[in-house]
Amino acid sequence: MEDLEMLLTPGGSTRTLPDAPWAGFDTETTGISPRSDRIVTAAVVTSEPQQRSSFRSRTWLADPGVPIPPAASRIHGITTQHAQSYGVPIAEAVDEICEELARQVDSGAVIVVFNAGYDLPLLEAEARRHGVQTLAQRLGGEIMPVVDPLVLDRALDRYRRGKRTLSDLAAVYGVGVPDDTHQAHVDAELTLNLLNAMVHKYTRLQEITISEVHSFQQESHAAWAENFEQYLRKQGRTSSISRSWF
């Protein structure tokens, strides 16, 4: 894996993270499996260069078509009854979410997702499940550019001990954590604030191109997955961790 400091800007686009609009994306769901669980709420929150603390949000409440387990409701506050009474049909919501993210990318935005390996596969699985065009199909191939503060933090501060939840990392980087986390728009805003703090701390993130940041994360995730899998095996735990970021 290339170290971040070793990356050199090649020919072609020289757009960097500070130059681009950011589109934060987050979901609240029925569970923790990106392949089988369902979207309950989602948000796309945007910020513009030079105005990183100013946000525009678009949110969705969906009827996921399945019961919402009480354990999930306790986290995000949405019950099955509430989703059925006030949510739009899940297929409609997923179609609109994919279309909004594709529109953001087409307009030059970077998709910013904390733990993209969960939310993006979940969205794609929901699109296939309900017969709407996936985000990848709308973009004509790979979903990119994506920036994931979790993957960046694992790579850039790999030996730091402690948990790496969204709230934990916000505290590490001096970002205030709202009281009402686990709402999609709140967590999407927090993710954008976290990325902004990371870009200011790691100045190389201000200099390399967006495509280089994307590639760095792909390589970093693969290296992390291999190392973590080896660690688990040393602990006597058999586990296979995908080398694919999302």
Protein backbone atom coordinates (compact mmCIF):
# COMPACT_ATOMS: atom_id res chain seq x y z
CA MET A 1 0.00 0.00 0.00
CA GLU A 2 1.24 3.47 -0.85
CA ASP A 3 1.70 5.80 2.09
CA LEU A 4 -0.34 8.99 1.80
CA GLU A 5 2.81 11.13 1.83
CA MET A 6 4.20 9.16 -1.12
CA LEU A 7 1.34 9.93 -3.48
CA LEU A 8 2.17 12.24 -6.35
CA THR A 9 -0.41 14.06 -8.38
CA PRO A 10 -0.49 12.61 -11.92
CA GLY A 11 -1.68 14.32 -15.02
CA GLY A 12 -5.38 14.86 -15.51
CA SER A 13 -7.83 16.31 -13.02
CA THR A 14 -6.19 18.21 -10.18
CA ARG A 15 -9.34 18.74 -8.14
CA THR A 16 -8.75 18.27 -4.43
CA LEU A 17 -11.10 17.74 -1.51
CA PRO A 18 -11.18 21.43 -0.52
CA ASP A 19 -12.19 22.33 -4.08
CA ALA A 20 -15.28 20.12 -4.30
CA PRO A 21 -18.79 20.10 -2.91
CA TRP A 22 -19.36 17.30 -0.39
CA ALA A 23 -22.50 15.17 -0.20
CA GLY A 24 -22.76 13.39 3.14
CA PHE A 25 -24.86 10.24 3.10
CA ASP A 26 -26.20 8.24 6.04
CA THR A 27 -28.93 5.70 6.74
CA GLU A 28 -30.76 4.30 9.75
CA THR A 29 -31.92 0.77 9.23
CA THR A 30 -33.59 -2.38 10.52
CA GLY A 31 -30.30 -4.04 11.50
CA ILE A 32 -26.59 -4.44 10.85
CA SER A 33 -26.47 -6.58 7.69
CA PRO A 34 -25.94 -4.51 4.53
CA ARG A 35 -27.13 -7.37 2.35
CA SER A 36 -30.40 -8.23 4.06
CA ASP A 37 -31.50 -5.34 6.29
CA ARG A 38 -33.61 -2.44 5.13
CA ILE A 39 -33.48 1.34 5.04
CA VAL A 40 -35.78 3.18 7.46
CA THR A 41 -34.43 6.72 7.18
CA ALA A 42 -31.76 8.30 4.99
CA ALA A 43 -30.24 11.70 4.39
CA VAL A 44 -28.08 13.45 1.83
CA VAL A 45 -26.49 16.55 3.34
CA THR A 46 -24.41 18.88 1.18
CA SER A 47 -21.79 21.51 1.88
CA GLU A 48 -19.90 23.78 -0.47
CA PRO A 49 -16.24 24.83 -0.54
CA GLN A 50 -15.55 27.80 1.75
CA GLN A 51 -18.89 27.13 3.49
CA ARG A 52 -18.28 23.82 5.22
CA SER A 53 -20.40 24.69 8.25
CA SER A 54 -23.46 25.51 6.14
CA PHE A 55 -25.58 22.49 5.20
CA ARG A 56 -28.50 21.68 2.93
CA SER A 57 -30.34 18.47 3.74
CA ARG A 58 -32.69 16.12 1.98
CA THR A 59 -34.18 13.36 4.11
CA TRP A 60 -36.36 10.30 3.68
CA LEU A 61 -38.57 8.26 6.01
CA ALA A 62 -39.47 4.94 4.41
CA ASP A 63 -41.80 2.10 5.21
CA PRO A 64 -39.23 -0.70 4.85
CA GLY A 65 -41.89 -3.31 4.15
CA VAL A 66 -40.75 -5.47 7.06
CA PRO A 67 -41.11 -5.10 10.84
CA ILE A 68 -38.49 -2.90 12.48
CA PRO A 69 -36.93 -4.88 15.35
CA PRO A 70 -37.31 -3.23 18.76
CA ALA A 71 -33.51 -3.15 19.15
CA ALA A 72 -33.23 -1.02 16.01
CA SER A 73 -36.11 1.22 17.08
CA ARG A 74 -34.35 1.90 20.37
CA ILE A 75 -31.36 3.25 18.43
CA HIS A 76 -33.03 5.50 15.87
CA GLY A 77 -36.48 5.98 17.42
CA ILE A 78 -38.56 4.80 14.45
CA THR A 79 -41.11 2.07 15.13
CA THR A 80 -42.82 -0.16 12.60
CA GLN A 81 -46.11 1.64 13.20
CA HIS A 82 -44.55 5.07 12.68
CA ALA A 83 -42.82 3.98 9.47
CA GLN A 84 -46.02 2.43 8.12
CA SER A 85 -48.07 5.53 9.00
CA TYR A 86 -45.71 8.23 7.77
CA GLY A 87 -43.07 6.62 5.55
CA VAL A 88 -43.09 6.51 1.76
CA PRO A 89 -42.92 3.10 0.05
CA ILE A 90 -39.37 1.79 0.24
CA ALA A 91 -38.99 1.41 -3.54
CA GLU A 92 -39.87 5.09 -4.01
CA ALA A 93 -37.42 6.18 -1.33
CA VAL A 94 -34.56 4.07 -2.67
CA ASP A 95 -35.13 5.33 -6.21
CA GLU A 96 -35.03 8.94 -5.00
CA ILE A 97 -31.94 8.38 -2.85
CA CYS A 98 -30.01 6.80 -5.73
CA GLU A 99 -31.10 9.57 -8.07
CA GLU A 100 -30.08 12.29 -5.62
CA LEU A 101 -26.62 10.78 -5.04
CA ALA A 102 -26.10 10.33 -8.78
CA ARG A 103 -27.13 13.95 -9.33
CA GLN A 104 -24.64 15.09 -6.71
CA VAL A 105 -21.79 13.15 -8.32
CA ASP A 106 -22.74 14.42 -11.77
CA SER A 107 -22.58 17.98 -10.43
CA GLY A 108 -19.04 17.41 -9.11
CA ALA A 109 -19.67 16.43 -5.50
CA VAL A 110 -17.78 13.85 -3.48
CA ILE A 111 -19.93 11.32 -1.62
CA VAL A 112 -18.88 11.31 2.04
CA VAL A 113 -19.95 8.25 4.05
CA PHE A 114 -18.79 7.05 7.44
CA ASN A 115 -18.28 3.29 7.08
CA ALA A 116 -19.13 3.24 3.39
CA GLY A 117 -18.75 -0.54 3.48
CA TYR A 118 -22.13 -0.64 5.17
CA ASP A 119 -24.30 2.13 3.73
CA LEU A 120 -23.37 1.82 0.05
CA PRO A 121 -23.81 -1.99 -0.24
CA LEU A 122 -27.07 -1.60 1.69
CA LEU A 123 -28.35 0.99 -0.78
CA GLU A 124 -27.33 -1.13 -3.78
CA ALA A 125 -28.97 -4.24 -2.28
CA GLU A 126 -32.18 -2.31 -1.64
CA ALA A 127 -32.22 -1.02 -5.22
CA ARG A 128 -31.81 -4.53 -6.63
CA ARG A 129 -34.41 -5.90 -4.22
CA HIS A 130 -37.04 -3.38 -5.31
CA GLY A 131 -36.24 -3.34 -9.02
CA VAL A 132 -34.89 0.19 -9.38
CA GLN A 133 -31.64 1.30 -10.97
CA THR A 134 -28.71 1.03 -8.61
CA LEU A 135 -26.45 3.97 -7.92
CA ALA A 136 -23.63 2.23 -9.79
CA GLN A 137 -25.88 1.78 -12.83
CA ARG A 138 -26.85 5.46 -12.77
CA LEU A 139 -23.18 6.43 -12.61
CA GLY A 140 -22.28 4.06 -15.42
CA GLY A 141 -19.88 1.88 -13.40
CA GLU A 142 -18.01 2.25 -10.13
CA ILE A 143 -19.45 4.39 -7.35
CA MET A 144 -16.90 7.17 -7.03
CA PRO A 145 -15.57 9.46 -5.77
CA VAL A 146 -16.24 8.39 -2.19
CA VAL A 147 -14.50 9.55 0.98
CA ASP A 148 -14.87 7.54 4.18
CA PRO A 149 -13.46 9.15 7.36
CA LEU A 150 -13.35 5.75 9.07
CA VAL A 151 -11.08 4.26 6.41
CA LEU A 152 -8.92 7.38 6.36
CA ASP A 153 -8.52 7.37 10.14
CA ARG A 154 -7.55 3.69 10.21
CA ALA A 155 -4.85 4.44 7.65
CA LEU A 156 -3.58 7.78 8.93
CA ASP A 157 -3.59 7.00 12.67
CA ARG A 158 -3.36 3.23 12.51
CA TYR A 159 -1.72 2.61 15.88
CA ARG A 160 -4.06 4.71 18.01
CA ARG A 161 -5.94 2.61 20.53
CA GLY A 162 -9.64 2.91 21.19
CA LYS A 163 -12.92 2.60 19.39
CA ARG A 164 -13.53 4.21 16.03
CA THR A 165 -17.24 4.91 16.01
CA LEU A 166 -18.43 8.17 14.47
CA SER A 167 -18.80 9.78 17.90
CA ASP A 168 -15.42 8.45 19.06
CA LEU A 169 -13.62 9.88 16.04
CA ALA A 170 -15.43 13.19 16.36
CA ALA A 171 -14.03 13.47 19.88
CA VAL A 172 -10.52 12.55 18.68
CA TYR A 173 -10.58 15.30 16.06
CA GLY A 174 -12.17 17.93 18.29
CA VAL A 175 -15.59 17.91 16.63
CA GLY A 176 -18.62 18.52 18.83
CA VAL A 177 -21.05 15.61 19.04
CA PRO A 178 -24.76 16.53 19.04
CA ASP A 179 -27.11 14.95 21.56
CA ASP A 180 -29.40 13.63 18.82
CA THR A 181 -27.07 11.29 16.93
CA HIS A 182 -28.50 8.21 15.21
CA GLN A 183 -30.66 10.43 13.06
CA ALA A 184 -29.54 10.18 9.46
CA HIS A 185 -29.23 13.91 8.78
CA VAL A 186 -27.47 14.54 12.10
CA ASP A 187 -24.93 11.78 11.48
CA ALA A 188 -24.38 12.92 7.89
CA GLU A 189 -23.62 16.46 9.12
CA LEU A 190 -21.32 15.07 11.81
CA THR A 191 -19.50 13.04 9.17
CA LEU A 192 -18.92 16.16 7.06
CA ASN A 193 -17.64 18.05 10.10
CA LEU A 194 -15.33 15.15 10.93
CA LEU A 195 -13.92 15.06 7.40
CA ASN A 196 -13.36 18.81 7.49
CA ALA A 197 -11.36 18.45 10.70
CA MET A 198 -9.32 15.59 9.21
CA VAL A 199 -8.54 17.59 6.07
CA HIS A 200 -7.25 20.43 8.24
CA LYS A 201 -5.13 18.07 10.35
CA TYR A 202 -3.66 16.04 7.48
CA THR A 203 -2.61 18.72 5.04
CA ARG A 204 -1.68 16.14 2.40
CA LEU A 205 -5.44 15.56 2.02
CA GLN A 206 -5.62 19.14 0.79
CA GLU A 207 -3.00 18.52 -1.90
CA ILE A 208 -3.60 15.16 -3.55
CA THR A 209 -6.39 14.72 -6.06
CA ILE A 210 -9.81 13.37 -5.21
CA SER A 211 -9.17 10.29 -7.35
CA GLU A 212 -5.96 9.66 -5.42
CA VAL A 213 -7.82 9.89 -2.12
CA HIS A 214 -10.34 7.37 -3.44
CA SER A 215 -7.59 4.97 -4.54
CA PHE A 216 -5.68 5.42 -1.28
CA GLN A 217 -8.76 4.34 0.65
CA GLN A 218 -9.25 1.24 -1.52
CA GLU A 219 -5.68 0.17 -0.83
CA SER A 220 -5.85 1.13 2.83
CA HIS A 221 -9.00 -0.86 3.45
CA ALA A 222 -7.53 -3.96 1.80
CA ALA A 223 -4.41 -3.69 3.98
CA TRP A 224 -6.47 -3.14 7.14
CA ALA A 225 -8.72 -6.12 6.35
CA GLU A 226 -5.73 -8.42 5.87
CA ASN A 227 -4.05 -7.25 9.07
CA PHE A 228 -7.23 -7.48 11.12
CA GLU A 229 -7.99 -10.94 9.78
CA GLN A 230 -4.51 -12.09 10.81
CA TYR A 231 -5.03 -10.59 14.27
CA LEU A 232 -8.33 -12.45 14.68
CA ARG A 233 -6.70 -15.72 13.68
CA LYS A 234 -4.01 -15.22 16.30
CA GLN A 235 -6.84 -14.88 18.81
CA GLY A 236 -8.22 -18.22 17.66
CA ARG A 237 -11.13 -16.70 15.76
CA THR A 238 -11.74 -17.81 12.19
CA SER A 239 -13.06 -14.92 10.15
CA SER A 240 -12.93 -13.76 6.54
CA ILE A 241 -12.95 -10.02 5.95
CA SER A 242 -13.57 -8.70 2.47
CA ARG A 243 -10.66 -6.87 0.91
CA SER A 244 -13.18 -4.82 -1.04
CA TRP A 245 -13.92 -1.44 0.54
CA PHE A 246 -17.60 -1.49 -0.47
